[in-house]
Amino acid sequence: MPVRDRIAFLASPAPVAQEALRALTGRYGQTLPETADVIVALGGDGFMLQTLHATQALPAPVYGMNCGTIGFLMNEYAETGLTGRLAAAQEEVLNPLRMQAVTANGTHHEALAINEVSLLRAGPQAAKLRIFVDGKLRLPELVCDGALVATPAGSTAYNYSAHGPILPIGADVLALTAMAAFRPRRWRGALLPKAAKVRFEVLEPGKRPVMADADSRSVRDVVIVDIASEPAISHRILFDPGHGLEERLISEQFT
């Protein structure tokens, strides 16, 4: 088993996470993330995503402990026995999505998303989108509240709330899911190969403004959004044995 004694603890601002930070650093010490064997994130799934983005250039994997309201990417919190849990933890590797968005004034924006990239209507009228996959027009017009492309790790988040499919980690697919589709009526989306490149074009953007969001980083008034998996970036996440992301994705479908 790997030795993971040098621990960098990071915590969300929530009082319960800050209390856990004080308890754990008092017991196990504190190491800088740049020199740590492992980074322990204390909070909920939102803070876990922030930590993964902030530490993606560092060699240490990230182990989350739930001190928040949602913990799909997290392990259970316990103050004792942490070094043994870290040594026995199993690793999952995730590749994020890269979003490239163009706004109505011609500005270009880029962002990475571990969970999903979503397009959402930003006005009183439904969004009107055109969808290309690998350069081929697949849907000339989708009238909806929004649409998203989700990774397997994000398939139980916003995607699941929008009635999208849950994706096993090893499936090498992405979920393209519509939110409240009006036309085509009740269109639920599609499963795409992980290597697929998706383009959304916003129709009537002045009348029907749309915003794009990549893991809570938003761009308003988009007219074109390109989304593709980024294999050059790998996020290493640690889970307790028997409670890994693959098991959680399967279990979620039977609850």
C-alpha atoms as a PDB file:
ATOM      1  CA  MET A   1       0.000   0.000   0.000  1.00  0.00           C
ATOM      2  CA  PRO A   2       1.283   3.512  -0.772  1.00  0.00           C
ATOM      3  CA  VAL A   3       2.558   5.645   2.101  1.00  0.00           C
ATOM      4  CA  ARG A   4       0.496   8.832   2.435  1.00  0.00           C
ATOM      5  CA  ASP A   5       1.780  10.368   5.661  1.00  0.00           C
ATOM      6  CA  ARG A   6       2.334  13.936   4.479  1.00  0.00           C
ATOM      7  CA  ILE A   7      -1.193  15.336   4.413  1.00  0.00           C
ATOM      8  CA  ALA A   8      -2.376  18.733   3.216  1.00  0.00           C
ATOM      9  CA  PHE A   9      -5.768  19.586   4.702  1.00  0.00           C
ATOM     10  CA  LEU A  10      -8.024  22.057   2.874  1.00  0.00           C
ATOM     11  CA  ALA A  11     -11.436  23.066   4.194  1.00  0.00           C
ATOM     12  CA  SER A  12     -14.486  24.971   3.019  1.00  0.00           C
ATOM     13  CA  PRO A  13     -15.485  28.108   4.994  1.00  0.00           C
ATOM     14  CA  ALA A  14     -18.384  26.236   6.611  1.00  0.00           C
ATOM     15  CA  PRO A  15     -18.071  26.138  10.427  1.00  0.00           C
ATOM     16  CA  VAL A  16     -18.268  22.336  10.561  1.00  0.00           C
ATOM     17  CA  ALA A  17     -15.461  22.041   8.002  1.00  0.00           C
ATOM     18  CA  GLN A  18     -13.318  24.593   9.839  1.00  0.00           C
ATOM     19  CA  GLU A  19     -13.836  22.693  13.101  1.00  0.00           C
ATOM     20  CA  ALA A  20     -12.777  19.474  11.357  1.00  0.00           C
ATOM     21  CA  LEU A  21      -9.699  21.253   9.969  1.00  0.00           C
ATOM     22  CA  ARG A  22      -8.591  22.259  13.468  1.00  0.00           C
ATOM     23  CA  ALA A  23      -9.139  18.758  14.835  1.00  0.00           C
ATOM     24  CA  LEU A  24      -7.368  16.943  12.013  1.00  0.00           C
ATOM     25  CA  THR A  25      -4.360  19.265  11.748  1.00  0.00           C
ATOM     26  CA  GLY A  26      -3.953  19.018  15.509  1.00  0.00           C
ATOM     27  CA  ARG A  27      -3.835  15.239  15.248  1.00  0.00           C
ATOM     28  CA  TYR A  28      -1.969  14.688  11.943  1.00  0.00           C
ATOM     29  CA  GLY A  29      -0.117  17.937  11.300  1.00  0.00           C
ATOM     30  CA  GLN A  30      -0.286  20.087   8.193  1.00  0.00           C
ATOM     31  CA  THR A  31       1.753  19.932   4.950  1.00  0.00           C
ATOM     32  CA  LEU A  32       1.797  22.317   2.015  1.00  0.00           C
ATOM     33  CA  PRO A  33      -0.188  20.936  -0.954  1.00  0.00           C
ATOM     34  CA  GLU A  34       2.905  21.230  -3.177  1.00  0.00           C
ATOM     35  CA  THR A  35       4.889  18.756  -1.027  1.00  0.00           C
ATOM     36  CA  ALA A  36       2.064  16.534   0.248  1.00  0.00           C
ATOM     37  CA  ASP A  37       1.551  12.838  -0.453  1.00  0.00           C
ATOM     38  CA  VAL A  38      -2.203  13.407  -0.404  1.00  0.00           C
ATOM     39  CA  ILE A  39      -4.611  16.348  -0.203  1.00  0.00           C
ATOM     40  CA  VAL A  40      -7.630  15.931   2.085  1.00  0.00           C
ATOM     41  CA  ALA A  41     -10.594  18.153   1.189  1.00  0.00           C
ATOM     42  CA  LEU A  42     -13.103  18.874   3.976  1.00  0.00           C
ATOM     43  CA  GLY A  43     -16.526  20.023   2.812  1.00  0.00           C
ATOM     44  CA  GLY A  44     -19.159  18.952   0.310  1.00  0.00           C
ATOM     45  CA  ASP A  45     -19.079  18.089  -3.366  1.00  0.00           C
ATOM     46  CA  GLY A  46     -18.861  21.764  -4.346  1.00  0.00           C
ATOM     47  CA  PHE A  47     -15.707  22.252  -2.321  1.00  0.00           C
ATOM     48  CA  MET A  48     -14.312  18.981  -3.697  1.00  0.00           C
ATOM     49  CA  LEU A  49     -14.722  20.333  -7.241  1.00  0.00           C
ATOM     50  CA  GLN A  50     -12.986  23.581  -6.226  1.00  0.00           C
ATOM     51  CA  THR A  51     -10.110  21.597  -4.713  1.00  0.00           C
ATOM     52  CA  LEU A  52      -9.686  19.394  -7.773  1.00  0.00           C
ATOM     53  CA  HIS A  53      -9.559  22.435 -10.062  1.00  0.00           C
ATOM     54  CA  ALA A  54      -7.153  24.299  -7.769  1.00  0.00           C
ATOM     55  CA  THR A  55      -4.739  21.366  -7.372  1.00  0.00           C
ATOM     56  CA  GLN A  56      -4.877  19.794 -10.841  1.00  0.00           C
ATOM     57  CA  ALA A  57      -1.218  20.673 -11.532  1.00  0.00           C
ATOM     58  CA  LEU A  58      -0.015  18.994  -8.318  1.00  0.00           C
ATOM     59  CA  PRO A  59       1.039  15.321  -8.155  1.00  0.00           C
ATOM     60  CA  ALA A  60      -0.895  14.451  -4.972  1.00  0.00           C
ATOM     61  CA  PRO A  61      -4.304  12.740  -5.249  1.00  0.00           C
ATOM     62  CA  VAL A  62      -7.317  14.197  -3.431  1.00  0.00           C
ATOM     63  CA  TYR A  63      -9.286  12.421  -0.720  1.00  0.00           C
ATOM     64  CA  GLY A  64     -12.521  14.080   0.348  1.00  0.00           C
ATOM     65  CA  MET A  65     -14.254  13.827   3.704  1.00  0.00           C
ATOM     66  CA  ASN A  66     -17.853  14.945   3.893  1.00  0.00           C
ATOM     67  CA  CYS A  67     -18.467  18.018   6.022  1.00  0.00           C
ATOM     68  CA  GLY A  68     -21.222  19.386   3.801  1.00  0.00           C
ATOM     69  CA  THR A  69     -24.781  18.684   2.693  1.00  0.00           C
ATOM     70  CA  ILE A  70     -23.875  16.643  -0.415  1.00  0.00           C
ATOM     71  CA  GLY A  71     -21.069  14.122  -0.536  1.00  0.00           C
ATOM     72  CA  PHE A  72     -21.233  11.971  -3.646  1.00  0.00           C
ATOM     73  CA  LEU A  73     -17.523  12.581  -4.303  1.00  0.00           C
ATOM     74  CA  MET A  74     -16.655  12.366  -0.604  1.00  0.00           C
ATOM     75  CA  ASN A  75     -15.833   9.712   1.984  1.00  0.00           C
ATOM     76  CA  GLU A  76     -17.401   9.595   5.428  1.00  0.00           C
ATOM     77  CA  TYR A  77     -15.871  11.886   8.013  1.00  0.00           C
ATOM     78  CA  ALA A  78     -13.950  10.365  10.921  1.00  0.00           C
ATOM     79  CA  GLU A  79     -11.189  11.942  12.964  1.00  0.00           C
ATOM     80  CA  THR A  80      -9.427   8.698  13.909  1.00  0.00           C
ATOM     81  CA  GLY A  81      -7.688   6.142  11.677  1.00  0.00           C
ATOM     82  CA  LEU A  82      -7.097   8.524   8.790  1.00  0.00           C
ATOM     83  CA  THR A  83      -3.569   7.403   7.877  1.00  0.00           C
ATOM     84  CA  GLY A  84      -4.747   3.800   7.547  1.00  0.00           C
ATOM     85  CA  ARG A  85      -7.714   4.851   5.409  1.00  0.00           C
ATOM     86  CA  LEU A  86      -5.468   6.903   3.137  1.00  0.00           C
ATOM     87  CA  ALA A  87      -3.032   4.020   2.685  1.00  0.00           C
ATOM     88  CA  ALA A  88      -5.858   1.638   1.741  1.00  0.00           C
ATOM     89  CA  ALA A  89      -7.802   4.102  -0.429  1.00  0.00           C
ATOM     90  CA  GLN A  90      -8.554   3.194  -4.043  1.00  0.00           C
ATOM     91  CA  GLU A  91      -7.943   5.657  -6.856  1.00  0.00           C
ATOM     92  CA  GLU A  92     -10.286   6.814  -9.614  1.00  0.00           C
ATOM     93  CA  VAL A  93      -9.019   8.937 -12.518  1.00  0.00           C
ATOM     94  CA  LEU A  94     -11.317  11.495 -14.133  1.00  0.00           C
ATOM     95  CA  ASN A  95     -10.827  13.627 -17.233  1.00  0.00           C
ATOM     96  CA  PRO A  96     -12.635  16.989 -17.281  1.00  0.00           C
ATOM     97  CA  LEU A  97     -14.556  18.649 -20.079  1.00  0.00           C
ATOM     98  CA  ARG A  98     -13.147  21.721 -21.780  1.00  0.00           C
ATOM     99  CA  MET A  99     -15.642  24.449 -22.609  1.00  0.00           C
ATOM    100  CA  GLN A 100     -14.861  27.079 -25.248  1.00  0.00           C
ATOM    101  CA  ALA A 101     -17.542  29.744 -25.444  1.00  0.00           C
ATOM    102  CA  VAL A 102     -18.023  32.754 -27.699  1.00  0.00           C
ATOM    103  CA  THR A 103     -20.257  35.602 -26.534  1.00  0.00           C
ATOM    104  CA  ALA A 104     -22.410  37.957 -28.584  1.00  0.00           C
ATOM    105  CA  ASN A 105     -19.669  40.628 -28.528  1.00  0.00           C
ATOM    106  CA  GLY A 106     -17.069  38.172 -29.869  1.00  0.00           C
ATOM    107  CA  THR A 107     -15.259  37.502 -26.579  1.00  0.00           C
ATOM    108  CA  HIS A 108     -13.806  34.011 -26.166  1.00  0.00           C
ATOM    109  CA  HIS A 109     -13.890  32.160 -22.828  1.00  0.00           C
ATOM    110  CA  GLU A 110     -12.430  28.814 -21.744  1.00  0.00           C
ATOM    111  CA  ALA A 111     -13.114  26.734 -18.650  1.00  0.00           C
ATOM    112  CA  LEU A 112     -12.781  23.159 -17.410  1.00  0.00           C
ATOM    113  CA  ALA A 113     -15.618  21.161 -15.881  1.00  0.00           C
ATOM    114  CA  ILE A 114     -15.313  17.930 -13.915  1.00  0.00           C
ATOM    115  CA  ASN A 115     -19.079  17.446 -13.641  1.00  0.00           C
ATOM    116  CA  GLU A 116     -20.799  19.133 -16.566  1.00  0.00           C
ATOM    117  CA  VAL A 117     -21.053  22.049 -18.947  1.00  0.00           C
ATOM    118  CA  SER A 118     -24.587  23.417 -19.085  1.00  0.00           C
ATOM    119  CA  LEU A 119     -26.408  25.990 -21.173  1.00  0.00           C
ATOM    120  CA  LEU A 120     -29.318  27.732 -19.479  1.00  0.00           C
ATOM    121  CA  ARG A 121     -31.870  30.246 -20.635  1.00  0.00           C
ATOM    122  CA  ALA A 122     -31.080  33.678 -19.186  1.00  0.00           C
ATOM    123  CA  GLY A 123     -34.369  35.417 -19.920  1.00  0.00           C
ATOM    124  CA  PRO A 124     -38.138  34.859 -19.751  1.00  0.00           C
ATOM    125  CA  GLN A 125     -38.293  32.927 -23.028  1.00  0.00           C
ATOM    126  CA  ALA A 126     -37.051  29.386 -23.635  1.00  0.00           C
ATOM    127  CA  ALA A 127     -33.630  28.907 -25.186  1.00  0.00           C
ATOM    128  CA  LYS A 128     -33.411  27.867 -28.811  1.00  0.00           C
ATOM    129  CA  LEU A 129     -30.327  25.777 -29.599  1.00  0.00           C
ATOM    130  CA  ARG A 130     -28.795  24.021 -32.589  1.00  0.00           C
ATOM    131  CA  ILE A 131     -26.624  20.968 -31.822  1.00  0.00           C
ATOM    132  CA  PHE A 132     -23.665  19.592 -33.776  1.00  0.00           C
ATOM    133  CA  VAL A 133     -21.722  16.437 -32.881  1.00  0.00           C
ATOM    134  CA  ASP A 134     -18.284  16.009 -34.454  1.00  0.00           C
ATOM    135  CA  GLY A 135     -19.122  18.695 -36.983  1.00  0.00           C
ATOM    136  CA  LYS A 136     -22.373  17.075 -38.136  1.00  0.00           C
ATOM    137  CA  LEU A 137     -25.696  18.800 -37.508  1.00  0.00           C
ATOM    138  CA  ARG A 138     -27.705  16.450 -35.311  1.00  0.00           C
ATOM    139  CA  LEU A 139     -30.547  18.642 -34.057  1.00  0.00           C
ATOM    140  CA  PRO A 140     -31.506  21.736 -36.087  1.00  0.00           C
ATOM    141  CA  GLU A 141     -33.600  23.232 -33.291  1.00  0.00           C
ATOM    142  CA  LEU A 142     -34.039  22.433 -29.602  1.00  0.00           C
ATOM    143  CA  VAL A 143     -36.400  24.688 -27.667  1.00  0.00           C
ATOM    144  CA  CYS A 144     -35.814  24.145 -23.969  1.00  0.00           C
ATOM    145  CA  ASP A 145     -34.885  25.622 -20.610  1.00  0.00           C
ATOM    146  CA  GLY A 146     -31.343  24.395 -21.240  1.00  0.00           C
ATOM    147  CA  ALA A 147     -29.064  21.510 -22.130  1.00  0.00           C
ATOM    148  CA  LEU A 148     -25.904  20.007 -20.693  1.00  0.00           C
ATOM    149  CA  VAL A 149     -23.052  17.629 -21.391  1.00  0.00           C
ATOM    150  CA  ALA A 150     -22.061  15.579 -18.343  1.00  0.00           C
ATOM    151  CA  THR A 151     -19.145  13.309 -17.505  1.00  0.00           C
ATOM    152  CA  PRO A 152     -19.738  10.008 -15.676  1.00  0.00           C
ATOM    153  CA  ALA A 153     -18.634  11.699 -12.431  1.00  0.00           C
ATOM    154  CA  GLY A 154     -21.207  14.443 -13.007  1.00  0.00           C
ATOM    155  CA  SER A 155     -23.988  12.185 -14.211  1.00  0.00           C
ATOM    156  CA  THR A 156     -25.555  11.979 -10.733  1.00  0.00           C
ATOM    157  CA  ALA A 157     -25.475  15.754 -10.247  1.00  0.00           C
ATOM    158  CA  TYR A 158     -27.337  18.292 -12.402  1.00  0.00           C
ATOM    159  CA  ASN A 159     -27.680  15.717 -15.185  1.00  0.00           C
ATOM    160  CA  TYR A 160     -29.585  13.325 -12.912  1.00  0.00           C
ATOM    161  CA  SER A 161     -31.878  16.119 -11.711  1.00  0.00           C
ATOM    162  CA  ALA A 162     -32.712  16.773 -15.368  1.00  0.00           C
ATOM    163  CA  HIS A 163     -33.623  13.068 -15.779  1.00  0.00           C
ATOM    164  CA  GLY A 164     -30.419  12.231 -17.604  1.00  0.00           C
ATOM    165  CA  PRO A 165     -28.809   8.766 -17.399  1.00  0.00           C
ATOM    166  CA  ILE A 166     -26.335   7.664 -14.744  1.00  0.00           C
ATOM    167  CA  LEU A 167     -23.035   6.710 -16.397  1.00  0.00           C
ATOM    168  CA  PRO A 168     -20.579   4.128 -15.026  1.00  0.00           C
ATOM    169  CA  ILE A 169     -17.035   5.476 -14.790  1.00  0.00           C
ATOM    170  CA  GLY A 170     -15.609   2.955 -17.251  1.00  0.00           C
ATOM    171  CA  ALA A 171     -18.267   3.504 -19.905  1.00  0.00           C
ATOM    172  CA  ASP A 172     -16.248   6.111 -21.879  1.00  0.00           C
ATOM    173  CA  VAL A 173     -19.417   8.006 -22.771  1.00  0.00           C
ATOM    174  CA  LEU A 174     -20.861  11.449 -22.146  1.00  0.00           C
ATOM    175  CA  ALA A 175     -24.484  12.340 -21.466  1.00  0.00           C
ATOM    176  CA  LEU A 176     -26.160  15.029 -23.560  1.00  0.00           C
ATOM    177  CA  THR A 177     -29.324  15.939 -21.689  1.00  0.00           C
ATOM    178  CA  ALA A 178     -32.067  18.501 -22.302  1.00  0.00           C
ATOM    179  CA  MET A 179     -33.839  20.397 -19.546  1.00  0.00           C
ATOM    180  CA  ALA A 180     -37.587  20.823 -19.982  1.00  0.00           C
ATOM    181  CA  ALA A 181     -37.494  20.249 -23.737  1.00  0.00           C
ATOM    182  CA  PHE A 182     -40.487  21.834 -25.489  1.00  0.00           C
ATOM    183  CA  ARG A 183     -39.537  21.014 -29.071  1.00  0.00           C
ATOM    184  CA  PRO A 184     -38.836  18.226 -29.949  1.00  0.00           C
ATOM    185  CA  ARG A 185     -41.408  17.386 -27.315  1.00  0.00           C
ATOM    186  CA  ARG A 186     -39.899  15.509 -24.352  1.00  0.00           C
ATOM    187  CA  TRP A 187     -36.550  14.990 -26.106  1.00  0.00           C
ATOM    188  CA  ARG A 188     -34.357  13.438 -23.415  1.00  0.00           C
ATOM    189  CA  GLY A 189     -30.952  13.707 -25.065  1.00  0.00           C
ATOM    190  CA  ALA A 190     -28.313  11.225 -26.201  1.00  0.00           C
ATOM    191  CA  LEU A 191     -25.340   9.145 -25.120  1.00  0.00           C
ATOM    192  CA  LEU A 192     -22.147  10.125 -26.935  1.00  0.00           C
ATOM    193  CA  PRO A 193     -18.646   8.640 -27.135  1.00  0.00           C
ATOM    194  CA  LYS A 194     -16.214  10.236 -24.703  1.00  0.00           C
ATOM    195  CA  ALA A 195     -14.165  11.539 -27.659  1.00  0.00           C
ATOM    196  CA  ALA A 196     -17.167  13.328 -29.214  1.00  0.00           C
ATOM    197  CA  LYS A 197     -16.998  17.070 -29.798  1.00  0.00           C
ATOM    198  CA  VAL A 198     -20.269  18.883 -29.160  1.00  0.00           C
ATOM    199  CA  ARG A 199     -21.158  22.340 -30.429  1.00  0.00           C
ATOM    200  CA  PHE A 200     -24.183  24.352 -29.338  1.00  0.00           C
ATOM    201  CA  GLU A 201     -25.234  27.339 -31.436  1.00  0.00           C
ATOM    202  CA  VAL A 202     -27.703  29.735 -29.847  1.00  0.00           C
ATOM    203  CA  LEU A 203     -30.526  30.780 -32.155  1.00  0.00           C
ATOM    204  CA  GLU A 204     -32.130  34.200 -31.686  1.00  0.00           C
ATOM    205  CA  PRO A 205     -29.644  35.152 -28.934  1.00  0.00           C
ATOM    206  CA  GLY A 206     -30.943  38.722 -28.658  1.00  0.00           C
ATOM    207  CA  LYS A 207     -34.492  37.566 -28.004  1.00  0.00           C
ATOM    208  CA  ARG A 208     -33.554  34.361 -26.142  1.00  0.00           C
ATOM    209  CA  PRO A 209     -30.290  35.001 -24.211  1.00  0.00           C
ATOM    210  CA  VAL A 210     -28.353  31.991 -22.934  1.00  0.00           C
ATOM    211  CA  MET A 211     -25.639  31.568 -20.325  1.00  0.00           C
ATOM    212  CA  ALA A 212     -23.065  28.765 -20.191  1.00  0.00           C
ATOM    213  CA  ASP A 213     -21.786  27.259 -16.968  1.00  0.00           C
ATOM    214  CA  ALA A 214     -18.766  24.996 -16.347  1.00  0.00           C
ATOM    215  CA  ASP A 215     -18.762  23.695 -12.764  1.00  0.00           C
ATOM    216  CA  SER A 216     -20.345  26.954 -11.513  1.00  0.00           C
ATOM    217  CA  ARG A 217     -18.157  29.268 -13.609  1.00  0.00           C
ATOM    218  CA  SER A 218     -20.591  31.159 -15.787  1.00  0.00           C
ATOM    219  CA  VAL A 219     -20.427  33.073 -19.067  1.00  0.00           C
ATOM    220  CA  ARG A 220     -23.408  35.169 -20.110  1.00  0.00           C
ATOM    221  CA  ASP A 221     -24.769  35.952 -23.582  1.00  0.00           C
ATOM    222  CA  VAL A 222     -23.100  33.030 -25.341  1.00  0.00           C
ATOM    223  CA  VAL A 223     -23.742  32.357 -29.022  1.00  0.00           C
ATOM    224  CA  ILE A 224     -21.445  29.344 -29.579  1.00  0.00           C
ATOM    225  CA  VAL A 225     -20.295  26.776 -27.028  1.00  0.00           C
ATOM    226  CA  ASP A 226     -17.877  23.954 -27.909  1.00  0.00           C
ATOM    227  CA  ILE A 227     -17.469  21.068 -25.456  1.00  0.00           C
ATOM    228  CA  ALA A 228     -14.983  18.183 -25.562  1.00  0.00           C
ATOM    229  CA  SER A 229     -13.292  15.848 -23.108  1.00  0.00           C
ATOM    230  CA  GLU A 230      -9.747  16.890 -22.135  1.00  0.00           C
ATOM    231  CA  PRO A 231      -7.610  13.704 -21.923  1.00  0.00           C
ATOM    232  CA  ALA A 232      -4.427  15.675 -21.193  1.00  0.00           C
ATOM    233  CA  ILE A 233      -5.742  16.523 -17.703  1.00  0.00           C
ATOM    234  CA  SER A 234      -6.349  13.785 -15.132  1.00  0.00           C
ATOM    235  CA  HIS A 235      -7.881  14.242 -11.698  1.00  0.00           C
ATOM    236  CA  ARG A 236      -6.941  11.538  -9.185  1.00  0.00           C
ATOM    237  CA  ILE A 237      -9.583  10.963  -6.498  1.00  0.00           C
ATOM    238  CA  LEU A 238      -9.272   8.524  -3.575  1.00  0.00           C
ATOM    239  CA  PHE A 239     -12.128   6.512  -2.064  1.00  0.00           C
ATOM    240  CA  ASP A 240     -12.384   4.063   0.804  1.00  0.00           C
ATOM    241  CA  PRO A 241     -12.426   0.418  -0.414  1.00  0.00           C
ATOM    242  CA  GLY A 242     -15.908  -0.687  -1.445  1.00  0.00           C
ATOM    243  CA  HIS A 243     -17.170   2.884  -1.605  1.00  0.00           C
ATOM    244  CA  GLY A 244     -15.537   4.081  -4.820  1.00  0.00           C
ATOM    245  CA  LEU A 245     -17.186   6.167  -7.492  1.00  0.00           C
ATOM    246  CA  GLU A 246     -17.967   3.114  -9.642  1.00  0.00           C
ATOM    247  CA  GLU A 247     -19.854   1.472  -6.765  1.00  0.00           C
ATOM    248  CA  ARG A 248     -21.679   4.691  -5.935  1.00  0.00           C
ATOM    249  CA  LEU A 249     -22.820   5.161  -9.522  1.00  0.00           C
ATOM    250  CA  ILE A 250     -24.241   1.638  -9.602  1.00  0.00           C
ATOM    251  CA  SER A 251     -25.822   1.877  -6.149  1.00  0.00           C
ATOM    252  CA  GLU A 252     -27.519   5.175  -6.969  1.00  0.00           C
ATOM    253  CA  GLN A 253     -29.564   3.427  -9.668  1.00  0.00           C
ATOM    254  CA  PHE A 254     -31.124   1.051  -7.144  1.00  0.00           C
ATOM    255  CA  THR A 255     -32.148   3.594  -4.503  1.00  0.00           C
END
